[in-house]
Amino acid sequence: MGETVERGKLLDYLPDFMKQFLEIKEIMQAEDKEMDEIDSNIQRGLDNAFIESCDEYGISKYEALLGITVSKQEDLGARKTRVLSRWNDFQPCTYRRFLKKLDILCGAENYRIDGNLEDYQLCIAISGKALKVREELEEMLKKMLPENINYEILEEHPVTGRAYMGAVMQQAEIINIRQVV
């Protein structure tokens, strides 16, 4: 959530002579509760105006605008990432923009690009957080890459544990025995 501006009690805004009446005090207390609710709704509206700070309700509005269907397993962070990825799709695709979109979608440390662009081959290896957004990555690649570029997405899963290696070395000497007659 964004920063909120603290508002004083409504009773503090009245002149001193009005503060002494019990009825006014009770009215101001009741109105304070209503004003707190209004302030909360205003703050929620401001937060929902930006993709990165919106809540479930706000992100659902962005998803409806973009025609995105949501699966029940996705958390709010993944949904925000998907909306951010699609929000500015109208810009032309350059390699720098392509890398920036990959950074937003996968995270800078969660992908590696290989391949030979001169032969129109592209290989993207993903790991970590990027594994969760594979479908969105495929959708982005379909939209951004030219039709003549073949691409492949590889998943790299980290392996933890120990690896053991053994080796054997053998030395032999060959002796030729000849019969002398």
N, C-alpha and C. Protein backbone atom coordinates (compact mmCIF):
# COMPACT_ATOMS: atom_id res chain seq x y z
N MET A 1 0.84 -1.18 0.00
CA MET A 1 0.00 0.00 0.00
C MET A 1 0.88 1.24 0.00
N GLY A 2 0.34 2.32 -0.54
CA GLY A 2 1.07 3.58 -0.59
C GLY A 2 1.01 4.31 0.74
N GLU A 3 1.62 5.46 0.75
CA GLU A 3 1.61 6.27 1.97
C GLU A 3 0.22 6.86 2.18
N THR A 4 -0.19 6.91 3.43
CA THR A 4 -1.48 7.52 3.74
C THR A 4 -1.25 8.81 4.50
N VAL A 5 -2.13 9.74 4.28
CA VAL A 5 -2.07 11.01 4.99
C VAL A 5 -2.93 10.89 6.24
N GLU A 6 -2.34 11.14 7.38
CA GLU A 6 -3.09 11.03 8.64
C GLU A 6 -3.98 12.25 8.81
N ARG A 7 -5.20 11.98 9.15
CA ARG A 7 -6.18 13.02 9.38
C ARG A 7 -6.47 13.05 10.87
N GLY A 8 -6.59 14.22 11.42
CA GLY A 8 -6.93 14.34 12.83
C GLY A 8 -8.40 14.02 13.07
N LYS A 9 -8.79 13.98 14.31
CA LYS A 9 -10.21 13.76 14.65
C LYS A 9 -11.01 14.98 14.23
N LEU A 10 -12.23 14.75 13.80
CA LEU A 10 -13.08 15.85 13.35
C LEU A 10 -13.35 16.85 14.46
N LEU A 11 -13.41 16.38 15.68
CA LEU A 11 -13.66 17.27 16.81
C LEU A 11 -12.57 18.33 16.94
N ASP A 12 -11.35 17.98 16.55
CA ASP A 12 -10.22 18.92 16.62
C ASP A 12 -10.38 20.09 15.65
N TYR A 13 -11.19 19.92 14.62
CA TYR A 13 -11.38 20.98 13.63
C TYR A 13 -12.47 21.99 14.03
N LEU A 14 -13.19 21.69 15.07
CA LEU A 14 -14.27 22.58 15.52
C LEU A 14 -13.72 23.67 16.44
N PRO A 15 -14.43 24.80 16.50
CA PRO A 15 -14.02 25.84 17.46
C PRO A 15 -14.20 25.33 18.90
N ASP A 16 -13.43 25.88 19.82
CA ASP A 16 -13.43 25.41 21.21
C ASP A 16 -14.81 25.45 21.86
N PHE A 17 -15.59 26.47 21.58
CA PHE A 17 -16.89 26.58 22.26
C PHE A 17 -17.83 25.44 21.86
N MET A 18 -17.65 24.85 20.64
CA MET A 18 -18.53 23.75 20.20
C MET A 18 -18.09 22.41 20.77
N LYS A 19 -16.82 22.28 21.15
CA LYS A 19 -16.30 21.02 21.65
C LYS A 19 -16.90 20.62 22.99
N GLN A 20 -17.48 21.58 23.72
CA GLN A 20 -18.00 21.30 25.05
C GLN A 20 -19.36 20.59 25.03
N PHE A 21 -20.08 20.59 23.90
CA PHE A 21 -21.41 19.98 23.85
C PHE A 21 -21.28 18.47 23.62
N LEU A 22 -22.00 17.71 24.45
CA LEU A 22 -21.97 16.26 24.39
C LEU A 22 -22.49 15.75 23.04
N GLU A 23 -23.55 16.37 22.54
CA GLU A 23 -24.13 15.93 21.27
C GLU A 23 -23.13 16.07 20.12
N ILE A 24 -22.41 17.17 20.13
CA ILE A 24 -21.41 17.43 19.08
C ILE A 24 -20.29 16.39 19.16
N LYS A 25 -19.86 16.08 20.40
CA LYS A 25 -18.81 15.08 20.58
C LYS A 25 -19.24 13.72 20.02
N GLU A 26 -20.47 13.33 20.30
CA GLU A 26 -20.98 12.04 19.84
C GLU A 26 -21.11 12.02 18.32
N ILE A 27 -21.60 13.12 17.75
CA ILE A 27 -21.74 13.21 16.30
C ILE A 27 -20.37 13.11 15.63
N MET A 28 -19.40 13.82 16.17
CA MET A 28 -18.06 13.82 15.58
C MET A 28 -17.41 12.43 15.69
N GLN A 29 -17.66 11.73 16.80
CA GLN A 29 -17.13 10.36 16.94
C GLN A 29 -17.72 9.44 15.89
N ALA A 30 -19.02 9.53 15.66
CA ALA A 30 -19.67 8.71 14.65
C ALA A 30 -19.16 9.07 13.25
N GLU A 31 -18.97 10.36 13.02
CA GLU A 31 -18.49 10.81 11.71
C GLU A 31 -17.04 10.42 11.49
N ASP A 32 -16.24 10.35 12.55
CA ASP A 32 -14.84 9.91 12.43
C ASP A 32 -14.77 8.51 11.84
N LYS A 33 -15.65 7.61 12.28
CA LYS A 33 -15.67 6.24 11.76
C LYS A 33 -15.99 6.25 10.26
N GLU A 34 -16.94 7.08 9.87
CA GLU A 34 -17.31 7.18 8.45
C GLU A 34 -16.16 7.77 7.63
N MET A 35 -15.50 8.77 8.18
CA MET A 35 -14.37 9.39 7.48
C MET A 35 -13.20 8.42 7.34
N ASP A 36 -12.98 7.59 8.36
CA ASP A 36 -11.93 6.58 8.26
C ASP A 36 -12.22 5.61 7.12
N GLU A 37 -13.48 5.22 6.99
CA GLU A 37 -13.89 4.33 5.89
C GLU A 37 -13.68 5.02 4.54
N ILE A 38 -14.04 6.28 4.44
CA ILE A 38 -13.87 7.04 3.19
C ILE A 38 -12.38 7.16 2.87
N ASP A 39 -11.56 7.49 3.87
CA ASP A 39 -10.11 7.59 3.65
C ASP A 39 -9.53 6.27 3.17
N SER A 40 -10.01 5.17 3.76
CA SER A 40 -9.54 3.85 3.36
C SER A 40 -9.91 3.55 1.92
N ASN A 41 -11.12 3.89 1.52
CA ASN A 41 -11.56 3.66 0.14
C ASN A 41 -10.80 4.54 -0.85
N ILE A 42 -10.51 5.76 -0.46
CA ILE A 42 -9.73 6.65 -1.33
C ILE A 42 -8.33 6.08 -1.53
N GLN A 43 -7.71 5.63 -0.42
CA GLN A 43 -6.37 5.06 -0.50
C GLN A 43 -6.36 3.81 -1.36
N ARG A 44 -7.39 2.97 -1.24
CA ARG A 44 -7.49 1.76 -2.05
C ARG A 44 -7.60 2.12 -3.53
N GLY A 45 -8.40 3.15 -3.83
CA GLY A 45 -8.51 3.60 -5.22
C GLY A 45 -7.19 4.10 -5.77
N LEU A 46 -6.45 4.84 -4.96
CA LEU A 46 -5.14 5.33 -5.40
C LEU A 46 -4.16 4.17 -5.60
N ASP A 47 -4.17 3.21 -4.69
CA ASP A 47 -3.29 2.05 -4.83
C ASP A 47 -3.64 1.24 -6.07
N ASN A 48 -4.92 1.10 -6.37
CA ASN A 48 -5.35 0.32 -7.52
C ASN A 48 -5.16 1.04 -8.84
N ALA A 49 -4.76 2.30 -8.79
CA ALA A 49 -4.50 3.04 -10.02
C ALA A 49 -3.16 2.61 -10.65
N PHE A 50 -2.32 1.91 -9.89
CA PHE A 50 -1.01 1.49 -10.37
C PHE A 50 -0.89 -0.03 -10.22
N ILE A 51 -0.41 -0.69 -11.24
CA ILE A 51 -0.35 -2.15 -11.27
C ILE A 51 0.48 -2.68 -10.11
N GLU A 52 1.61 -2.07 -9.84
CA GLU A 52 2.52 -2.61 -8.82
C GLU A 52 1.98 -2.50 -7.40
N SER A 53 1.02 -1.62 -7.15
CA SER A 53 0.52 -1.46 -5.78
C SER A 53 -0.93 -1.91 -5.63
N CYS A 54 -1.51 -2.49 -6.65
CA CYS A 54 -2.93 -2.84 -6.55
C CYS A 54 -3.16 -4.15 -5.78
N ASP A 55 -4.39 -4.30 -5.31
CA ASP A 55 -4.78 -5.50 -4.58
C ASP A 55 -5.51 -6.45 -5.52
N GLU A 56 -6.10 -7.52 -4.97
CA GLU A 56 -6.79 -8.53 -5.77
C GLU A 56 -7.89 -7.90 -6.65
N TYR A 57 -8.67 -6.99 -6.06
CA TYR A 57 -9.75 -6.34 -6.80
C TYR A 57 -9.17 -5.52 -7.96
N GLY A 58 -8.13 -4.74 -7.69
CA GLY A 58 -7.55 -3.89 -8.72
C GLY A 58 -6.92 -4.68 -9.85
N ILE A 59 -6.20 -5.75 -9.50
CA ILE A 59 -5.55 -6.54 -10.55
C ILE A 59 -6.59 -7.26 -11.40
N SER A 60 -7.73 -7.62 -10.80
CA SER A 60 -8.79 -8.27 -11.58
C SER A 60 -9.34 -7.32 -12.64
N LYS A 61 -9.38 -6.02 -12.35
CA LYS A 61 -9.85 -5.04 -13.34
C LYS A 61 -8.87 -4.93 -14.51
N TYR A 62 -7.57 -4.92 -14.19
CA TYR A 62 -6.56 -4.88 -15.25
C TYR A 62 -6.63 -6.15 -16.10
N GLU A 63 -6.81 -7.30 -15.46
CA GLU A 63 -6.90 -8.56 -16.19
C GLU A 63 -8.12 -8.57 -17.12
N ALA A 64 -9.22 -8.01 -16.66
CA ALA A 64 -10.42 -7.93 -17.50
C ALA A 64 -10.16 -7.03 -18.71
N LEU A 65 -9.47 -5.92 -18.51
CA LEU A 65 -9.15 -5.02 -19.62
C LEU A 65 -8.27 -5.69 -20.67
N LEU A 66 -7.34 -6.54 -20.21
CA LEU A 66 -6.40 -7.17 -21.12
C LEU A 66 -6.86 -8.53 -21.61
N GLY A 67 -8.01 -9.00 -21.12
CA GLY A 67 -8.52 -10.30 -21.54
C GLY A 67 -7.72 -11.47 -21.00
N ILE A 68 -7.20 -11.34 -19.81
CA ILE A 68 -6.39 -12.39 -19.19
C ILE A 68 -7.28 -13.25 -18.31
N THR A 69 -7.18 -14.56 -18.48
CA THR A 69 -7.89 -15.47 -17.58
C THR A 69 -6.92 -15.92 -16.50
N VAL A 70 -7.44 -16.07 -15.30
CA VAL A 70 -6.60 -16.35 -14.14
C VAL A 70 -6.83 -17.78 -13.67
N SER A 71 -5.72 -18.45 -13.33
CA SER A 71 -5.87 -19.77 -12.73
C SER A 71 -5.88 -19.60 -11.21
N LYS A 72 -6.49 -20.53 -10.54
CA LYS A 72 -6.65 -20.42 -9.09
C LYS A 72 -5.33 -20.55 -8.34
N GLN A 73 -4.31 -21.16 -8.97
CA GLN A 73 -3.03 -21.36 -8.29
C GLN A 73 -2.16 -20.11 -8.29
N GLU A 74 -2.46 -19.13 -9.13
CA GLU A 74 -1.60 -17.95 -9.23
C GLU A 74 -1.78 -17.03 -8.03
N ASP A 75 -0.66 -16.56 -7.51
CA ASP A 75 -0.74 -15.60 -6.42
C ASP A 75 -0.76 -14.18 -7.00
N LEU A 76 -0.93 -13.20 -6.14
CA LEU A 76 -1.06 -11.81 -6.57
C LEU A 76 0.20 -11.34 -7.30
N GLY A 77 1.37 -11.74 -6.84
CA GLY A 77 2.62 -11.33 -7.48
C GLY A 77 2.72 -11.82 -8.92
N ALA A 78 2.35 -13.08 -9.15
CA ALA A 78 2.40 -13.63 -10.51
C ALA A 78 1.39 -12.93 -11.40
N ARG A 79 0.23 -12.61 -10.86
CA ARG A 79 -0.79 -11.92 -11.64
C ARG A 79 -0.32 -10.52 -12.02
N LYS A 80 0.33 -9.82 -11.08
CA LYS A 80 0.87 -8.48 -11.39
C LYS A 80 1.93 -8.57 -12.47
N THR A 81 2.80 -9.58 -12.38
CA THR A 81 3.85 -9.76 -13.38
C THR A 81 3.25 -9.98 -14.76
N ARG A 82 2.19 -10.79 -14.85
CA ARG A 82 1.54 -11.05 -16.14
C ARG A 82 0.93 -9.77 -16.70
N VAL A 83 0.25 -9.00 -15.86
CA VAL A 83 -0.38 -7.76 -16.33
C VAL A 83 0.69 -6.77 -16.78
N LEU A 84 1.77 -6.63 -15.99
CA LEU A 84 2.86 -5.71 -16.38
C LEU A 84 3.47 -6.13 -17.72
N SER A 85 3.59 -7.42 -17.92
CA SER A 85 4.17 -7.93 -19.16
C SER A 85 3.33 -7.55 -20.37
N ARG A 86 2.03 -7.59 -20.23
CA ARG A 86 1.14 -7.33 -21.37
C ARG A 86 0.72 -5.87 -21.50
N TRP A 87 0.90 -5.07 -20.47
CA TRP A 87 0.36 -3.72 -20.46
C TRP A 87 0.95 -2.85 -21.56
N ASN A 88 2.24 -2.94 -21.80
CA ASN A 88 2.89 -2.07 -22.78
C ASN A 88 3.33 -2.82 -24.03
N ASP A 89 2.53 -3.76 -24.50
CA ASP A 89 2.89 -4.56 -25.66
C ASP A 89 2.88 -3.80 -26.98
N PHE A 90 2.40 -2.60 -27.01
CA PHE A 90 2.26 -1.89 -28.27
C PHE A 90 3.56 -1.33 -28.80
N GLN A 91 4.62 -1.30 -28.00
CA GLN A 91 5.88 -0.72 -28.45
C GLN A 91 6.60 -1.67 -29.40
N PRO A 92 7.39 -1.12 -30.35
CA PRO A 92 8.10 -1.98 -31.29
C PRO A 92 9.14 -2.84 -30.56
N CYS A 93 9.41 -4.00 -31.12
CA CYS A 93 10.33 -4.93 -30.49
C CYS A 93 11.76 -4.66 -30.95
N THR A 94 12.60 -4.35 -30.02
CA THR A 94 14.04 -4.27 -30.25
C THR A 94 14.68 -5.27 -29.30
N TYR A 95 15.95 -5.57 -29.55
CA TYR A 95 16.63 -6.54 -28.68
C TYR A 95 16.72 -6.01 -27.25
N ARG A 96 16.98 -4.73 -27.10
CA ARG A 96 17.05 -4.12 -25.76
C ARG A 96 15.70 -4.20 -25.05
N ARG A 97 14.64 -3.91 -25.78
CA ARG A 97 13.29 -4.00 -25.20
C ARG A 97 12.94 -5.45 -24.86
N PHE A 98 13.36 -6.36 -25.73
CA PHE A 98 13.15 -7.78 -25.49
C PHE A 98 13.81 -8.21 -24.18
N LEU A 99 15.05 -7.79 -23.97
CA LEU A 99 15.76 -8.12 -22.73
C LEU A 99 15.08 -7.49 -21.51
N LYS A 100 14.59 -6.28 -21.67
CA LYS A 100 13.90 -5.61 -20.57
C LYS A 100 12.62 -6.36 -20.19
N LYS A 101 11.88 -6.82 -21.19
CA LYS A 101 10.66 -7.58 -20.91
C LYS A 101 11.00 -8.92 -20.25
N LEU A 102 12.09 -9.53 -20.66
CA LEU A 102 12.52 -10.77 -20.01
C LEU A 102 12.89 -10.51 -18.54
N ASP A 103 13.55 -9.38 -18.29
CA ASP A 103 13.90 -9.01 -16.91
C ASP A 103 12.65 -8.85 -16.06
N ILE A 104 11.63 -8.19 -16.61
CA ILE A 104 10.39 -7.98 -15.86
C ILE A 104 9.68 -9.30 -15.61
N LEU A 105 9.59 -10.12 -16.65
CA LEU A 105 8.82 -11.35 -16.55
C LEU A 105 9.54 -12.43 -15.73
N CYS A 106 10.80 -12.64 -16.02
CA CYS A 106 11.53 -13.76 -15.41
C CYS A 106 12.40 -13.35 -14.23
N GLY A 107 12.84 -12.12 -14.20
CA GLY A 107 13.85 -11.70 -13.25
C GLY A 107 15.21 -11.82 -13.92
N ALA A 108 16.07 -10.85 -13.72
CA ALA A 108 17.33 -10.76 -14.45
C ALA A 108 18.22 -12.00 -14.26
N GLU A 109 18.17 -12.62 -13.10
CA GLU A 109 19.06 -13.75 -12.82
C GLU A 109 18.42 -15.10 -13.14
N ASN A 110 17.20 -15.11 -13.65
CA ASN A 110 16.47 -16.37 -13.83
C ASN A 110 16.37 -16.84 -15.29
N TYR A 111 17.16 -16.25 -16.19
CA TYR A 111 17.14 -16.72 -17.57
C TYR A 111 18.51 -16.52 -18.19
N ARG A 112 18.75 -17.30 -19.25
CA ARG A 112 19.99 -17.21 -20.00
C ARG A 112 19.63 -17.37 -21.47
N ILE A 113 20.20 -16.54 -22.32
CA ILE A 113 19.90 -16.58 -23.76
C ILE A 113 21.10 -17.16 -24.50
N ASP A 114 20.83 -18.18 -25.31
CA ASP A 114 21.83 -18.78 -26.18
C ASP A 114 21.25 -18.82 -27.58
N GLY A 115 22.03 -19.29 -28.50
CA GLY A 115 21.53 -19.45 -29.86
C GLY A 115 22.33 -18.61 -30.83
N ASN A 116 21.96 -18.72 -32.06
CA ASN A 116 22.65 -18.01 -33.12
C ASN A 116 21.60 -17.20 -33.89
N LEU A 117 21.55 -15.92 -33.64
CA LEU A 117 20.54 -15.09 -34.29
C LEU A 117 20.79 -14.94 -35.79
N GLU A 118 22.06 -15.12 -36.22
CA GLU A 118 22.33 -15.07 -37.67
C GLU A 118 21.65 -16.23 -38.39
N ASP A 119 21.50 -17.36 -37.69
CA ASP A 119 20.80 -18.52 -38.27
C ASP A 119 19.35 -18.58 -37.79
N TYR A 120 18.89 -17.50 -37.17
CA TYR A 120 17.50 -17.38 -36.69
C TYR A 120 17.13 -18.44 -35.66
N GLN A 121 18.07 -18.74 -34.78
CA GLN A 121 17.85 -19.70 -33.71
C GLN A 121 18.01 -18.98 -32.37
N LEU A 122 17.07 -19.22 -31.46
CA LEU A 122 17.12 -18.60 -30.14
C LEU A 122 16.76 -19.65 -29.10
N CYS A 123 17.56 -19.73 -28.07
CA CYS A 123 17.30 -20.67 -26.99
C CYS A 123 17.31 -19.89 -25.68
N ILE A 124 16.22 -20.01 -24.93
CA ILE A 124 16.12 -19.32 -23.64
C ILE A 124 16.02 -20.38 -22.56
N ALA A 125 17.01 -20.39 -21.67
CA ALA A 125 17.02 -21.32 -20.54
C ALA A 125 16.50 -20.56 -19.32
N ILE A 126 15.47 -21.11 -18.69
CA ILE A 126 14.86 -20.43 -17.54
C ILE A 126 15.04 -21.28 -16.29
N SER A 127 15.07 -20.60 -15.15
CA SER A 127 15.19 -21.29 -13.87
C SER A 127 14.56 -20.42 -12.79
N GLY A 128 14.43 -20.95 -11.61
CA GLY A 128 13.92 -20.20 -10.46
C GLY A 128 12.50 -19.71 -10.67
N LYS A 129 12.28 -18.42 -10.40
CA LYS A 129 10.96 -17.79 -10.50
C LYS A 129 10.39 -17.89 -11.91
N ALA A 130 11.25 -17.91 -12.91
CA ALA A 130 10.81 -17.93 -14.30
C ALA A 130 10.07 -19.22 -14.66
N LEU A 131 10.31 -20.30 -13.92
CA LEU A 131 9.62 -21.56 -14.21
C LEU A 131 8.12 -21.41 -14.01
N LYS A 132 7.71 -20.53 -13.11
CA LYS A 132 6.29 -20.33 -12.83
C LYS A 132 5.58 -19.55 -13.93
N VAL A 133 6.33 -18.80 -14.71
CA VAL A 133 5.71 -17.95 -15.73
C VAL A 133 6.04 -18.42 -17.14
N ARG A 134 6.26 -19.71 -17.30
CA ARG A 134 6.63 -20.25 -18.62
C ARG A 134 5.56 -19.97 -19.67
N GLU A 135 4.29 -20.17 -19.32
CA GLU A 135 3.22 -19.94 -20.29
C GLU A 135 3.19 -18.48 -20.73
N GLU A 136 3.38 -17.59 -19.79
CA GLU A 136 3.39 -16.16 -20.13
C GLU A 136 4.61 -15.83 -20.99
N LEU A 137 5.74 -16.48 -20.72
CA LEU A 137 6.94 -16.28 -21.54
C LEU A 137 6.68 -16.74 -22.97
N GLU A 138 6.05 -17.89 -23.14
CA GLU A 138 5.72 -18.37 -24.48
C GLU A 138 4.80 -17.39 -25.21
N GLU A 139 3.82 -16.86 -24.49
CA GLU A 139 2.90 -15.88 -25.08
C GLU A 139 3.66 -14.62 -25.52
N MET A 140 4.59 -14.16 -24.68
CA MET A 140 5.38 -12.98 -25.01
C MET A 140 6.25 -13.24 -26.24
N LEU A 141 6.88 -14.41 -26.30
CA LEU A 141 7.74 -14.73 -27.44
C LEU A 141 6.93 -14.79 -28.74
N LYS A 142 5.72 -15.34 -28.68
CA LYS A 142 4.87 -15.40 -29.87
C LYS A 142 4.55 -14.00 -30.38
N LYS A 143 4.34 -13.07 -29.46
CA LYS A 143 3.98 -11.71 -29.85
C LYS A 143 5.18 -10.88 -30.28
N MET A 144 6.32 -11.06 -29.63
CA MET A 144 7.45 -10.16 -29.85
C MET A 144 8.39 -10.61 -30.96
N LEU A 145 8.62 -11.91 -31.06
CA LEU A 145 9.63 -12.37 -32.02
C LEU A 145 9.07 -12.43 -33.43
N PRO A 146 9.90 -12.13 -34.41
CA PRO A 146 9.48 -12.29 -35.80
C PRO A 146 9.19 -13.76 -36.10
N GLU A 147 8.36 -14.01 -37.09
CA GLU A 147 7.95 -15.37 -37.41
C GLU A 147 9.10 -16.25 -37.89
N ASN A 148 10.16 -15.65 -38.43
CA ASN A 148 11.24 -16.46 -38.98
C ASN A 148 12.27 -16.88 -37.93
N ILE A 149 12.09 -16.53 -36.69
CA ILE A 149 13.02 -16.94 -35.63
C ILE A 149 12.45 -18.15 -34.92
N ASN A 150 13.23 -19.23 -34.94
CA ASN A 150 12.86 -20.43 -34.21
C ASN A 150 13.37 -20.28 -32.78
N TYR A 151 12.50 -20.57 -31.82
CA TYR A 151 12.92 -20.45 -30.43
C TYR A 151 12.60 -21.72 -29.66
N GLU A 152 13.34 -21.89 -28.60
CA GLU A 152 13.18 -23.05 -27.73
C GLU A 152 13.33 -22.56 -26.29
N ILE A 153 12.48 -23.06 -25.42
CA ILE A 153 12.57 -22.72 -24.00
C ILE A 153 13.02 -23.97 -23.25
N LEU A 154 14.11 -23.85 -22.55
CA LEU A 154 14.63 -24.96 -21.75
C LEU A 154 14.45 -24.62 -20.27
N GLU A 155 14.07 -25.61 -19.49
CA GLU A 155 13.94 -25.41 -18.05
C GLU A 155 15.16 -25.98 -17.36
N GLU A 156 15.76 -25.17 -16.51
CA GLU A 156 16.90 -25.62 -15.72
C GLU A 156 16.45 -25.71 -14.27
N HIS A 157 16.48 -26.90 -13.75
CA HIS A 157 16.09 -27.11 -12.36
C HIS A 157 17.36 -27.31 -11.53
N PRO A 158 17.54 -26.51 -10.51
CA PRO A 158 18.75 -26.67 -9.70
C PRO A 158 18.73 -27.99 -8.94
N VAL A 159 19.87 -28.60 -8.84
CA VAL A 159 20.02 -29.87 -8.13
C VAL A 159 20.91 -29.62 -6.93
N THR A 160 20.44 -30.05 -5.77
CA THR A 160 21.24 -29.90 -4.57
C THR A 160 21.66 -31.28 -4.09
N GLY A 161 22.74 -31.35 -3.41
CA GLY A 161 23.24 -32.62 -2.90
C GLY A 161 24.70 -32.76 -3.25
N ARG A 162 25.17 -33.97 -3.12
CA ARG A 162 26.58 -34.23 -3.38
C ARG A 162 26.72 -35.09 -4.63
N ALA A 163 27.79 -34.88 -5.30
CA ALA A 163 28.12 -35.70 -6.46
C ALA A 163 29.48 -36.33 -6.20
N TYR A 164 29.58 -37.61 -6.46
CA TYR A 164 30.82 -38.33 -6.26
C TYR A 164 31.33 -38.79 -7.61
N MET A 165 32.64 -38.80 -7.72
CA MET A 165 33.23 -39.22 -8.98
C MET A 165 34.37 -40.17 -8.66
N GLY A 166 34.45 -41.22 -9.39
CA GLY A 166 35.53 -42.18 -9.19
C GLY A 166 36.34 -42.33 -10.46
N ALA A 167 37.57 -42.74 -10.33
CA ALA A 167 38.43 -42.92 -11.49
C ALA A 167 39.39 -44.08 -11.22
N VAL A 168 39.79 -44.73 -12.27
CA VAL A 168 40.76 -45.82 -12.18
C VAL A 168 41.84 -45.52 -13.20
N MET A 169 43.08 -45.73 -12.79
CA MET A 169 44.18 -45.53 -13.71
C MET A 169 44.99 -46.82 -13.74
N GLN A 170 45.31 -47.26 -14.92
CA GLN A 170 46.06 -48.50 -15.06
C GLN A 170 47.20 -48.26 -16.01
N GLN A 171 48.34 -48.86 -15.66
CA GLN A 171 49.50 -48.72 -16.53
C GLN A 171 49.93 -50.13 -16.91
N ALA A 172 50.22 -50.30 -18.15
CA ALA A 172 50.62 -51.63 -18.62
C ALA A 172 51.91 -51.52 -19.42
N GLU A 173 52.69 -52.60 -19.36
CA GLU A 173 53.92 -52.66 -20.15
C GLU A 173 53.81 -53.87 -21.05
N ILE A 174 54.05 -53.68 -22.30
CA ILE A 174 53.92 -54.78 -23.25
C ILE A 174 55.33 -55.31 -23.54
N ILE A 175 55.49 -56.62 -23.32
CA ILE A 175 56.79 -57.27 -23.58
C ILE A 175 56.55 -58.30 -24.70
N ASN A 176 57.29 -58.16 -25.73
CA ASN A 176 57.23 -59.11 -26.85
C ASN A 176 58.31 -60.20 -26.63
N ILE A 177 57.93 -61.43 -26.63
CA ILE A 177 58.88 -62.53 -26.47
C ILE A 177 58.95 -63.25 -27.82
N ARG A 178 60.21 -63.37 -28.30
CA ARG A 178 60.41 -64.04 -29.58
C ARG A 178 61.28 -65.29 -29.36
N GLN A 179 61.03 -66.24 -30.11
CA GLN A 179 61.83 -67.46 -30.03
C GLN A 179 62.98 -67.34 -31.01
N VAL A 180 64.17 -67.60 -30.52
CA VAL A 180 65.36 -67.50 -31.37
C VAL A 180 65.78 -68.93 -31.72
N VAL A 181 66.01 -69.25 -32.92
CA VAL A 181 66.39 -70.57 -33.34
C VAL A 181 67.77 -70.61 -33.96
